PDB file of N, CA and C in Angstrom:
ATOM      1  N   MET A   1     170.218 283.716 157.878  1.00  0.00           N
ATOM      2  CA  MET A   1     168.663 283.731 157.816  1.00  0.00           C
ATOM      3  C   MET A   1     168.063 284.837 158.249  1.00  0.00           C
ATOM      4  N   ASP A   2     167.383 285.430 157.725  1.00  0.00           N
ATOM      5  CA  ASP A   2     166.927 286.797 158.435  1.00  0.00           C
ATOM      6  C   ASP A   2     165.494 285.977 159.086  1.00  0.00           C
ATOM      7  N   GLU A   3     164.763 286.800 159.262  1.00  0.00           N
ATOM      8  CA  GLU A   3     163.642 286.531 160.361  1.00  0.00           C
ATOM      9  C   GLU A   3     162.475 286.075 159.199  1.00  0.00           C
ATOM     10  N   ARG A   4     162.269 286.716 157.967  1.00  0.00           N
ATOM     11  CA  ARG A   4     161.454 286.093 157.109  1.00  0.00           C
ATOM     12  C   ARG A   4     161.570 284.949 156.720  1.00  0.00           C
ATOM     13  N   GLU A   5     162.649 284.412 156.306  1.00  0.00           N
ATOM     14  CA  GLU A   5     163.373 283.047 155.737  1.00  0.00           C
ATOM     15  C   GLU A   5     162.771 281.970 156.819  1.00  0.00           C
ATOM     16  N   PHE A   6     163.241 282.318 158.254  1.00  0.00           N
ATOM     17  CA  PHE A   6     163.023 281.389 159.522  1.00  0.00           C
ATOM     18  C   PHE A   6     161.236 281.439 159.487  1.00  0.00           C
ATOM     19  N   SER A   7     160.620 282.141 159.313  1.00  0.00           N
ATOM     20  CA  SER A   7     159.073 282.148 159.706  1.00  0.00           C
ATOM     21  C   SER A   7     158.702 281.460 158.306  1.00  0.00           C
ATOM     22  N   THR A   8     159.326 281.478 157.228  1.00  0.00           N
ATOM     23  CA  THR A   8     158.594 280.544 156.140  1.00  0.00           C
ATOM     24  C   THR A   8     158.823 279.489 156.040  1.00  0.00           C
ATOM     25  N   ALA A   9     160.097 279.182 156.498  1.00  0.00           N
ATOM     26  CA  ALA A   9     160.867 277.768 157.058  1.00  0.00           C
ATOM     27  C   ALA A   9     160.193 276.787 158.075  1.00  0.00           C
ATOM     28  N   ALA A  10     159.755 277.821 158.876  1.00  0.00           N
ATOM     29  CA  ALA A  10     158.587 277.038 160.162  1.00  0.00           C
ATOM     30  C   ALA A  10     157.889 276.746 159.505  1.00  0.00           C
ATOM     31  N   GLY A  11     157.020 277.638 158.766  1.00  0.00           N
ATOM     32  CA  GLY A  11     155.802 277.401 158.505  1.00  0.00           C
ATOM     33  C   GLY A  11     155.455 276.188 157.409  1.00  0.00           C
ATOM     34  N   ARG A  12     156.759 276.095 156.459  1.00  0.00           N
ATOM     35  CA  ARG A  12     156.527 275.025 155.283  1.00  0.00           C
ATOM     36  C   ARG A  12     156.848 273.591 156.581  1.00  0.00           C
ATOM     37  N   ARG A  13     157.236 273.356 157.539  1.00  0.00           N
ATOM     38  CA  ARG A  13     157.461 272.349 158.382  1.00  0.00           C
ATOM     39  C   ARG A  13     156.289 272.035 159.058  1.00  0.00           C
ATOM     40  N   ILE A  14     155.490 273.123 159.939  1.00  0.00           N
ATOM     41  CA  ILE A  14     154.591 273.120 160.384  1.00  0.00           C
ATOM     42  C   ILE A  14     153.278 272.453 159.386  1.00  0.00           C
ATOM     43  N   GLU A  15     153.624 272.638 158.221  1.00  0.00           N
ATOM     44  CA  GLU A  15     152.435 272.080 157.153  1.00  0.00           C
ATOM     45  C   GLU A  15     152.767 270.868 156.996  1.00  0.00           C
ATOM     46  N   ALA A  16     154.203 270.574 156.447  1.00  0.00           N
ATOM     47  CA  ALA A  16     154.905 268.902 156.836  1.00  0.00           C
ATOM     48  C   ALA A  16     154.335 268.209 157.784  1.00  0.00           C
ATOM     49  N   ALA A  17     154.260 268.961 159.007  1.00  0.00           N
ATOM     50  CA  ALA A  17     153.719 268.317 160.036  1.00  0.00           C
ATOM     51  C   ALA A  17     152.384 267.958 159.897  1.00  0.00           C
ATOM     52  N   ARG A  18     151.663 268.791 159.588  1.00  0.00           N
ATOM     53  CA  ARG A  18     149.910 268.347 159.575  1.00  0.00           C
ATOM     54  C   ARG A  18     150.007 267.107 158.504  1.00  0.00           C
ATOM     55  N   GLY A  19     150.821 267.340 157.313  1.00  0.00           N
ATOM     56  CA  GLY A  19     150.801 266.143 156.385  1.00  0.00           C
ATOM     57  C   GLY A  19     151.204 264.864 156.849  1.00  0.00           C
ATOM     58  N   ALA A  20     152.180 264.787 157.767  1.00  0.00           N
ATOM     59  CA  ALA A  20     152.538 263.594 158.018  1.00  0.00           C
ATOM     60  C   ALA A  20     152.082 262.762 159.402  1.00  0.00           C
ATOM     61  N   LEU A  21     150.979 263.705 159.997  1.00  0.00           N
ATOM     62  CA  LEU A  21     150.333 263.168 161.013  1.00  0.00           C
ATOM     63  C   LEU A  21     148.949 262.666 160.166  1.00  0.00           C
ATOM     64  N   GLY A  22     148.873 263.080 158.990  1.00  0.00           N
ATOM     65  CA  GLY A  22     147.508 262.462 158.084  1.00  0.00           C
ATOM     66  C   GLY A  22     146.147 263.632 158.552  1.00  0.00           C
ATOM     67  N   TYR A  23     146.544 264.567 158.974  1.00  0.00           N
ATOM     68  CA  TYR A  23     145.307 265.916 159.741  1.00  0.00           C
ATOM     69  C   TYR A  23     145.083 266.641 158.220  1.00  0.00           C
ATOM     70  N   SER A  24     143.568 266.612 158.245  1.00  0.00           N
ATOM     71  CA  SER A  24     143.292 267.849 157.235  1.00  0.00           C
ATOM     72  C   SER A  24     143.595 269.359 157.840  1.00  0.00           C
ATOM     73  N   THR A  25     143.273 270.206 156.867  1.00  0.00           N
ATOM     74  CA  THR A  25     143.577 271.276 157.596  1.00  0.00           C
ATOM     75  C   THR A  25     142.697 271.974 158.335  1.00  0.00           C
ATOM     76  N   ALA A  26     141.476 271.377 158.483  1.00  0.00           N
ATOM     77  CA  ALA A  26     140.419 271.716 159.335  1.00  0.00           C
ATOM     78  C   ALA A  26     140.862 271.240 160.817  1.00  0.00           C
ATOM     79  N   GLU A  27     141.233 270.096 160.654  1.00  0.00           N
ATOM     80  CA  GLU A  27     141.344 269.004 161.572  1.00  0.00           C
ATOM     81  C   GLU A  27     142.895 269.615 162.588  1.00  0.00           C
ATOM     82  N   MET A  28     143.570 269.952 161.564  1.00  0.00           N
ATOM     83  CA  MET A  28     145.102 270.753 162.188  1.00  0.00           C
ATOM     84  C   MET A  28     144.559 272.172 162.813  1.00  0.00           C
ATOM     85  N   CYS A  29     143.469 272.921 162.592  1.00  0.00           N
ATOM     86  CA  CYS A  29     143.523 274.086 163.294  1.00  0.00           C
ATOM     87  C   CYS A  29     142.726 273.921 164.307  1.00  0.00           C
ATOM     88  N   GLU A  30     141.668 272.864 164.316  1.00  0.00           N
ATOM     89  CA  GLU A  30     141.356 272.613 165.602  1.00  0.00           C
ATOM     90  C   GLU A  30     142.230 272.006 166.536  1.00  0.00           C
ATOM     91  N   LEU A  31     143.048 271.178 166.293  1.00  0.00           N
ATOM     92  CA  LEU A  31     144.169 270.560 167.030  1.00  0.00           C
ATOM     93  C   LEU A  31     145.010 271.351 167.716  1.00  0.00           C
ATOM     94  N   ILE A  32     145.184 272.457 167.031  1.00  0.00           N
ATOM     95  CA  ILE A  32     146.234 273.849 167.718  1.00  0.00           C
ATOM     96  C   ILE A  32     145.379 274.972 168.248  1.00  0.00           C
ATOM     97  N   GLY A  33     144.297 275.011 167.957  1.00  0.00           N
ATOM     98  CA  GLY A  33     143.114 276.040 168.776  1.00  0.00           C
ATOM     99  C   GLY A  33     143.377 276.980 167.702  1.00  0.00           C
ATOM    100  N   VAL A  34     143.665 277.304 166.251  1.00  0.00           N
ATOM    101  CA  VAL A  34     143.329 278.565 165.564  1.00  0.00           C
ATOM    102  C   VAL A  34     142.590 278.602 164.375  1.00  0.00           C
ATOM    103  N   SER A  35     142.098 279.493 163.970  1.00  0.00           N
ATOM    104  CA  SER A  35     141.219 279.900 162.661  1.00  0.00           C
ATOM    105  C   SER A  35     142.221 279.464 161.579  1.00  0.00           C
ATOM    106  N   ARG A  36     141.421 279.284 160.374  1.00  0.00           N
ATOM    107  CA  ARG A  36     142.305 279.000 158.981  1.00  0.00           C
ATOM    108  C   ARG A  36     142.947 279.918 158.640  1.00  0.00           C
ATOM    109  N   PRO A  37     142.412 281.250 158.413  1.00  0.00           N
ATOM    110  CA  PRO A  37     143.489 282.203 158.279  1.00  0.00           C
ATOM    111  C   PRO A  37     144.600 282.404 159.311  1.00  0.00           C
ATOM    112  N   THR A  38     144.278 282.064 160.507  1.00  0.00           N
ATOM    113  CA  THR A  38     145.908 282.411 161.369  1.00  0.00           C
ATOM    114  C   THR A  38     146.572 281.140 160.960  1.00  0.00           C
ATOM    115  N   TYR A  39     146.159 279.783 160.662  1.00  0.00           N
ATOM    116  CA  TYR A  39     146.820 278.588 160.140  1.00  0.00           C
ATOM    117  C   TYR A  39     147.636 278.980 158.950  1.00  0.00           C
ATOM    118  N   SER A  40     146.898 279.750 158.084  1.00  0.00           N
ATOM    119  CA  SER A  40     147.631 280.268 156.500  1.00  0.00           C
ATOM    120  C   SER A  40     148.658 281.156 156.794  1.00  0.00           C
ATOM    121  N   GLY A  41     148.471 282.278 157.836  1.00  0.00           N
ATOM    122  CA  GLY A  41     149.738 282.923 158.356  1.00  0.00           C
ATOM    123  C   GLY A  41     150.606 282.460 158.731  1.00  0.00           C
ATOM    124  N   TYR A  42     150.682 281.227 159.622  1.00  0.00           N
ATOM    125  CA  TYR A  42     151.718 280.571 159.973  1.00  0.00           C
ATOM    126  C   TYR A  42     152.345 279.685 159.295  1.00  0.00           C
ATOM    127  N   ILE A  43     151.618 278.624 157.866  1.00  0.00           N
ATOM    128  CA  ILE A  43     152.405 278.177 156.855  1.00  0.00           C
ATOM    129  C   ILE A  43     152.655 278.954 155.879  1.00  0.00           C
ATOM    130  N   THR A  44     152.269 280.174 155.780  1.00  0.00           N
ATOM    131  CA  THR A  44     153.275 280.965 154.827  1.00  0.00           C
ATOM    132  C   THR A  44     154.392 281.918 155.516  1.00  0.00           C
ATOM    133  N   GLY A  45     153.865 281.988 156.745  1.00  0.00           N
ATOM    134  CA  GLY A  45     155.476 282.562 156.700  1.00  0.00           C
ATOM    135  C   GLY A  45     155.228 284.061 157.724  1.00  0.00           C
ATOM    136  N   ARG A  46     153.908 284.370 157.175  1.00  0.00           N
ATOM    137  CA  ARG A  46     153.568 285.973 157.891  1.00  0.00           C
ATOM    138  C   ARG A  46     153.709 286.310 159.427  1.00  0.00           C
ATOM    139  N   ILE A  47     153.461 284.861 159.902  1.00  0.00           N
ATOM    140  CA  ILE A  47     153.220 284.661 161.426  1.00  0.00           C
ATOM    141  C   ILE A  47     153.737 283.554 161.884  1.00  0.00           C
ATOM    142  N   ILE A  48     154.847 284.043 162.751  1.00  0.00           N
ATOM    143  CA  ILE A  48     155.682 282.951 163.562  1.00  0.00           C
ATOM    144  C   ILE A  48     154.453 282.207 164.813  1.00  0.00           C
ATOM    145  N   ALA A  49     154.552 280.914 164.630  1.00  0.00           N
ATOM    146  CA  ALA A  49     153.228 280.380 165.503  1.00  0.00           C
ATOM    147  C   ALA A  49     153.680 280.461 166.983  1.00  0.00           C
ATOM    148  N   PRO A  50     153.547 280.398 167.950  1.00  0.00           N
ATOM    149  CA  PRO A  50     153.582 280.491 169.532  1.00  0.00           C
ATOM    150  C   PRO A  50     153.969 279.684 169.428  1.00  0.00           C
ATOM    151  N   VAL A  51     154.764 279.322 170.381  1.00  0.00           N
ATOM    152  CA  VAL A  51     154.924 277.720 170.973  1.00  0.00           C
ATOM    153  C   VAL A  51     154.019 277.345 171.470  1.00  0.00           C
ATOM    154  N   LEU A  52     153.198 277.569 172.442  1.00  0.00           N
ATOM    155  CA  LEU A  52     152.399 277.014 173.252  1.00  0.00           C
ATOM    156  C   LEU A  52     151.135 276.234 172.063  1.00  0.00           C
ATOM    157  N   ARG A  53     151.008 277.379 170.991  1.00  0.00           N
ATOM    158  CA  ARG A  53     150.147 276.610 169.937  1.00  0.00           C
ATOM    159  C   ARG A  53     150.268 275.529 169.380  1.00  0.00           C
ATOM    160  N   LEU A  54     152.042 275.057 169.354  1.00  0.00           N
ATOM    161  CA  LEU A  54     152.532 273.985 168.993  1.00  0.00           C
ATOM    162  C   LEU A  54     152.552 272.972 169.943  1.00  0.00           C
ATOM    163  N   GLU A  55     152.205 272.784 171.028  1.00  0.00           N
ATOM    164  CA  GLU A  55     152.373 271.554 172.164  1.00  0.00           C
ATOM    165  C   GLU A  55     151.635 270.615 171.555  1.00  0.00           C
ATOM    166  N   PRO A  56     150.161 270.593 170.962  1.00  0.00           N
ATOM    167  CA  PRO A  56     150.010 269.421 170.283  1.00  0.00           C
ATOM    168  C   PRO A  56     150.547 268.288 169.176  1.00  0.00           C
ATOM    169  N   LEU A  57     151.477 269.246 168.725  1.00  0.00           N
ATOM    170  CA  LEU A  57     152.472 268.412 167.830  1.00  0.00           C
ATOM    171  C   LEU A  57     153.697 267.658 168.531  1.00  0.00           C
ATOM    172  N   VAL A  58     154.014 268.362 169.511  1.00  0.00           N
ATOM    173  CA  VAL A  58     154.774 268.020 170.137  1.00  0.00           C
ATOM    174  C   VAL A  58     154.836 266.721 170.962  1.00  0.00           C
ATOM    175  N   CYS A  59     153.288 266.667 171.552  1.00  0.00           N
ATOM    176  CA  CYS A  59     152.518 265.736 172.082  1.00  0.00           C
ATOM    177  C   CYS A  59     152.761 264.396 171.294  1.00  0.00           C
ATOM    178  N   ARG A  60     152.557 264.817 169.951  1.00  0.00           N
ATOM    179  CA  ARG A  60     152.379 263.883 169.016  1.00  0.00           C
ATOM    180  C   ARG A  60     153.981 263.210 168.180  1.00  0.00           C
ATOM    181  N   GLY A  61     155.122 263.824 168.996  1.00  0.00           N
ATOM    182  CA  GLY A  61     156.253 263.365 168.788  1.00  0.00           C
ATOM    183  C   GLY A  61     157.032 264.440 167.763  1.00  0.00           C
ATOM    184  N   ILE A  62     156.345 265.664 167.453  1.00  0.00           N
ATOM    185  CA  ILE A  62     157.244 266.558 166.659  1.00  0.00           C
ATOM    186  C   ILE A  62     157.743 267.748 167.157  1.00  0.00           C
ATOM    187  N   THR A  63     159.390 267.341 167.306  1.00  0.00           N
ATOM    188  CA  THR A  63     159.962 268.427 168.043  1.00  0.00           C
ATOM    189  C   THR A  63     159.654 269.909 168.077  1.00  0.00           C
ATOM    190  N   LEU A  64     160.003 270.591 168.626  1.00  0.00           N
ATOM    191  CA  LEU A  64     160.441 272.267 168.325  1.00  0.00           C
ATOM    192  C   LEU A  64     161.554 272.426 167.410  1.00  0.00           C
ATOM    193  N   ASP A  65     162.385 271.493 167.758  1.00  0.00           N
ATOM    194  CA  ASP A  65     163.943 271.714 167.100  1.00  0.00           C
ATOM    195  C   ASP A  65     163.784 271.720 165.848  1.00  0.00           C
ATOM    196  N   TYR A  66     162.522 270.601 165.497  1.00  0.00           N
ATOM    197  CA  TYR A  66     162.496 270.359 163.936  1.00  0.00           C
ATOM    198  C   TYR A  66     160.991 271.574 163.338  1.00  0.00           C
ATOM    199  N   LEU A  67     160.101 272.036 163.818  1.00  0.00           N
ATOM    200  CA  LEU A  67     159.485 273.314 163.452  1.00  0.00           C
ATOM    201  C   LEU A  67     160.347 274.375 163.144  1.00  0.00           C
ATOM    202  N   PHE A  68     160.904 274.517 164.351  1.00  0.00           N
ATOM    203  CA  PHE A  68     161.799 275.794 164.384  1.00  0.00           C
ATOM    204  C   PHE A  68     163.140 275.680 163.295  1.00  0.00           C
ATOM    205  N   PHE A  69     163.712 275.118 163.719  1.00  0.00           N
ATOM    206  CA  PHE A  69     165.372 274.551 162.778  1.00  0.00           C
ATOM    207  C   PHE A  69     165.174 273.605 161.963  1.00  0.00           C
ATOM    208  N   GLY A  70     164.474 273.073 161.863  1.00  0.00           N
ATOM    209  CA  GLY A  70     164.713 271.620 160.746  1.00  0.00           C
ATOM    210  C   GLY A  70     165.387 270.505 161.259  1.00  0.00           C
ATOM    211  N   ILE A  71     165.695 270.673 162.866  1.00  0.00           N
ATOM    212  CA  ILE A  71     166.631 269.852 163.378  1.00  0.00           C
ATOM    213  C   ILE A  71     165.745 268.463 163.446  1.00  0.00           C
ATOM    214  N   ARG A  72     166.184 267.302 163.245  1.00  0.00           N
ATOM    215  CA  ARG A  72     165.552 265.772 162.878  1.00  0.00           C
ATOM    216  C   ARG A  72     166.209 265.109 163.669  1.00  0.00           C
ATOM    217  N   SER A  73     167.358 265.171 164.565  1.00  0.00           N
ATOM    218  CA  SER A  73     167.460 264.347 165.250  1.00  0.00           C
ATOM    219  C   SER A  73     166.682 263.502 166.681  1.00  0.00           C
ATOM    220  N   GLY A  74     165.638 264.473 166.911  1.00  0.00           N
ATOM    221  CA  GLY A  74     164.928 263.991 168.487  1.00  0.00           C
ATOM    222  C   GLY A  74     163.706 263.389 167.702  1.00  0.00           C
ATOM    223  N   LEU A  75     163.442 262.983 166.339  1.00  0.00           N
ATOM    224  CA  LEU A  75     162.326 262.326 165.742  1.00  0.00           C
ATOM    225  C   LEU A  75     162.593 260.875 165.738  1.00  0.00           C
ATOM    226  N   THR A  76     161.519 260.309 165.752  1.00  0.00           N
ATOM    227  CA  THR A  76     161.889 258.759 165.392  1.00  0.00           C
ATOM    228  C   THR A  76     161.819 258.472 163.794  1.00  0.00           C
ATOM    229  N   VAL A  77     162.656 257.500 163.577  1.00  0.00           N
ATOM    230  CA  VAL A  77     163.042 257.432 162.077  1.00  0.00           C
ATOM    231  C   VAL A  77     161.384 257.707 161.020  1.00  0.00           C
ATOM    232  N   ALA A  78     160.754 256.945 161.703  1.00  0.00           N
ATOM    233  CA  ALA A  78     159.413 256.740 161.000  1.00  0.00           C
ATOM    234  C   ALA A  78     158.437 258.191 160.724  1.00  0.00           C
ATOM    235  N   LEU A  79     159.013 258.715 161.905  1.00  0.00           N
ATOM    236  CA  LEU A  79     158.571 260.108 161.931  1.00  0.00           C
ATOM    237  C   LEU A  79     159.087 261.357 160.708  1.00  0.00           C
ATOM    238  N   SER A  80     160.172 260.807 160.923  1.00  0.00           N
ATOM    239  CA  SER A  80     161.400 261.644 160.103  1.00  0.00           C
ATOM    240  C   SER A  80     161.017 261.428 158.332  1.00  0.00           C
ATOM    241  N   GLU A  81     160.737 260.024 158.176  1.00  0.00           N
ATOM    242  CA  GLU A  81     160.659 259.744 157.046  1.00  0.00           C
ATOM    243  C   GLU A  81     159.269 260.326 156.448  1.00  0.00           C
ATOM    244  N   LYS A  82     158.037 260.321 157.257  1.00  0.00           N
ATOM    245  CA  LYS A  82     157.078 260.573 156.914  1.00  0.00           C
ATOM    246  C   LYS A  82     156.941 262.183 156.731  1.00  0.00           C
ATOM    247  N   LEU A  83     157.838 262.705 157.417  1.00  0.00           N
ATOM    248  CA  LEU A  83     157.870 264.265 157.308  1.00  0.00           C
ATOM    249  C   LEU A  83     158.561 264.825 156.185  1.00  0.00           C
ATOM    250  N   ALA A  84     159.769 263.839 155.764  1.00  0.00           N
ATOM    251  CA  ALA A  84     160.544 264.458 154.496  1.00  0.00           C
ATOM    252  C   ALA A  84     159.510 264.044 153.558  1.00  0.00           C
ATOM    253  N   ALA A  85     158.680 263.351 153.541  1.00  0.00           N
ATOM    254  CA  ALA A  85     157.841 263.170 152.191  1.00  0.00           C
ATOM    255  C   ALA A  85     156.960 263.928 152.394  1.00  0.00           C
ATOM    256  N   ALA A  86     156.353 264.588 153.362  1.00  0.00           N
ATOM    257  CA  ALA A  86     155.503 265.559 153.291  1.00  0.00           C
ATOM    258  C   ALA A  86     155.922 266.988 152.755  1.00  0.00           C
ATOM    259  N   GLU A  87     157.084 267.255 153.168  1.00  0.00           N
ATOM    260  CA  GLU A  87     157.920 268.111 152.995  1.00  0.00           C
ATOM    261  C   GLU A  87     158.082 268.191 151.641  1.00  0.00           C
ATOM    262  N   ALA A  88     158.395 267.229 150.792  1.00  0.00           N
ATOM    263  CA  ALA A  88     158.762 267.410 149.190  1.00  0.00           C
ATOM    264  C   ALA A  88     157.416 267.470 148.913  1.00  0.00           C
ATOM    265  N   GLU A  89     156.262 267.184 149.233  1.00  0.00           N
ATOM    266  CA  GLU A  89     154.780 267.093 148.869  1.00  0.00           C
ATOM    267  C   GLU A  89     154.746 268.690 148.648  1.00  0.00           C
ATOM    268  N   THR A  90     154.815 269.350 149.817  1.00  0.00           N
ATOM    269  CA  THR A  90     154.710 270.668 150.417  1.00  0.00           C
ATOM    270  C   THR A  90     155.501 271.761 149.144  1.00  0.00           C
ATOM    271  N   GLU A  91     156.564 271.383 149.267  1.00  0.00           N
ATOM    272  CA  GLU A  91     157.687 272.142 148.209  1.00  0.00           C
ATOM    273  C   GLU A  91     156.859 272.149 146.631  1.00  0.00           C
ATOM    274  N   ALA A  92     156.393 270.546 146.169  1.00  0.00           N
ATOM    275  CA  ALA A  92     156.119 270.543 144.966  1.00  0.00           C
ATOM    276  C   ALA A  92     155.108 271.609 144.496  1.00  0.00           C
ATOM    277  N   ALA A  93     154.144 271.444 145.754  1.00  0.00           N
ATOM    278  CA  ALA A  93     152.871 272.178 145.559  1.00  0.00           C
ATOM    279  C   ALA A  93     152.706 273.458 145.783  1.00  0.00           C
ATOM    280  N   ASP A  94     153.879 273.991 146.342  1.00  0.00           N
ATOM    281  CA  ASP A  94     154.491 275.370 146.281  1.00  0.00           C
ATOM    282  C   ASP A  94     154.946 275.638 144.482  1.00  0.00           C
ATOM    283  N   GLY A  95     155.462 275.129 144.360  1.00  0.00           N
ATOM    284  CA  GLY A  95     156.247 275.253 143.038  1.00  0.00           C
ATOM    285  C   GLY A  95     155.507 275.426 141.976  1.00  0.00           C
ATOM    286  N   GLN A  96     154.104 274.640 142.318  1.00  0.00           N
ATOM    287  CA  GLN A  96     153.147 274.328 141.082  1.00  0.00           C
ATOM    288  C   GLN A  96     152.504 275.523 141.101  1.00  0.00           C
ATOM    289  N   LYS A  97     152.065 276.421 142.476  1.00  0.00           N
ATOM    290  CA  LYS A  97     151.382 277.459 142.597  1.00  0.00           C
ATOM    291  C   LYS A  97     152.161 278.732 141.937  1.00  0.00           C
ATOM    292  N   MET A  98     153.447 278.712 141.851  1.00  0.00           N
ATOM    293  CA  MET A  98     154.174 279.430 141.649  1.00  0.00           C
ATOM    294  C   MET A  98     154.798 279.494 140.059  1.00  0.00           C
ATOM    295  N   GLY A  99     154.166 278.367 139.510  1.00  0.00           N
ATOM    296  CA  GLY A  99     154.011 277.861 137.841  1.00  0.00           C
ATOM    297  C   GLY A  99     155.900 277.485 137.619  1.00  0.00           C
ATOM    298  N   ARG A 100     156.405 277.018 138.734  1.00  0.00           N
ATOM    299  CA  ARG A 100     157.336 276.201 138.274  1.00  0.00           C
ATOM    300  C   ARG A 100     157.286 274.641 137.892  1.00  0.00           C
ATOM    301  N   PRO A 101     157.940 273.699 137.252  1.00  0.00           N
ATOM    302  CA  PRO A 101     157.594 272.481 136.971  1.00  0.00           C
ATOM    303  C   PRO A 101     157.872 271.599 138.143  1.00  0.00           C
ATOM    304  N   ARG A 102     157.334 270.669 138.667  1.00  0.00           N
ATOM    305  CA  ARG A 102     157.514 269.880 139.600  1.00  0.00           C
ATOM    306  C   ARG A 102     158.659 269.120 139.439  1.00  0.00           C
ATOM    307  N   SER A 103     159.425 268.697 140.458  1.00  0.00           N
ATOM    308  CA  SER A 103     160.829 268.171 140.273  1.00  0.00           C
ATOM    309  C   SER A 103     160.715 267.115 140.200  1.00  0.00           C
ATOM    310  N   ALA A 104     161.235 265.977 139.863  1.00  0.00           N
ATOM    311  CA  ALA A 104     161.323 264.760 139.348  1.00  0.00           C
ATOM    312  C   ALA A 104     162.050 263.573 140.479  1.00  0.00           C
ATOM    313  N   GLY A 105     162.249 264.370 141.824  1.00  0.00           N
ATOM    314  CA  GLY A 105     162.825 263.308 142.601  1.00  0.00           C
ATOM    315  C   GLY A 105     162.404 263.688 143.779  1.00  0.00           C
TER     316      GLY A 105
END
């Protein structure tokens, strides 16, 4: 995995965390203390989010292992399930933006 793939995957997981926690984009920006353009940079992979910006997510049970590497072992089962659902929604939305049909699963 190269740096671009890493940052893109991490960005998708940050966006999944937002969805799993039930925050709007504006609420998430406020929570982690960044502007919308900076947040957009995080979730699209243009910018790798600094660890200190992600501390509020860690305080809500989302591990850095998950955010950066997709490792779910430190998450509660309920949170892991919410994140999986949010990831699927994010992937479906990305597919629609790119003109791909939404998957049926």
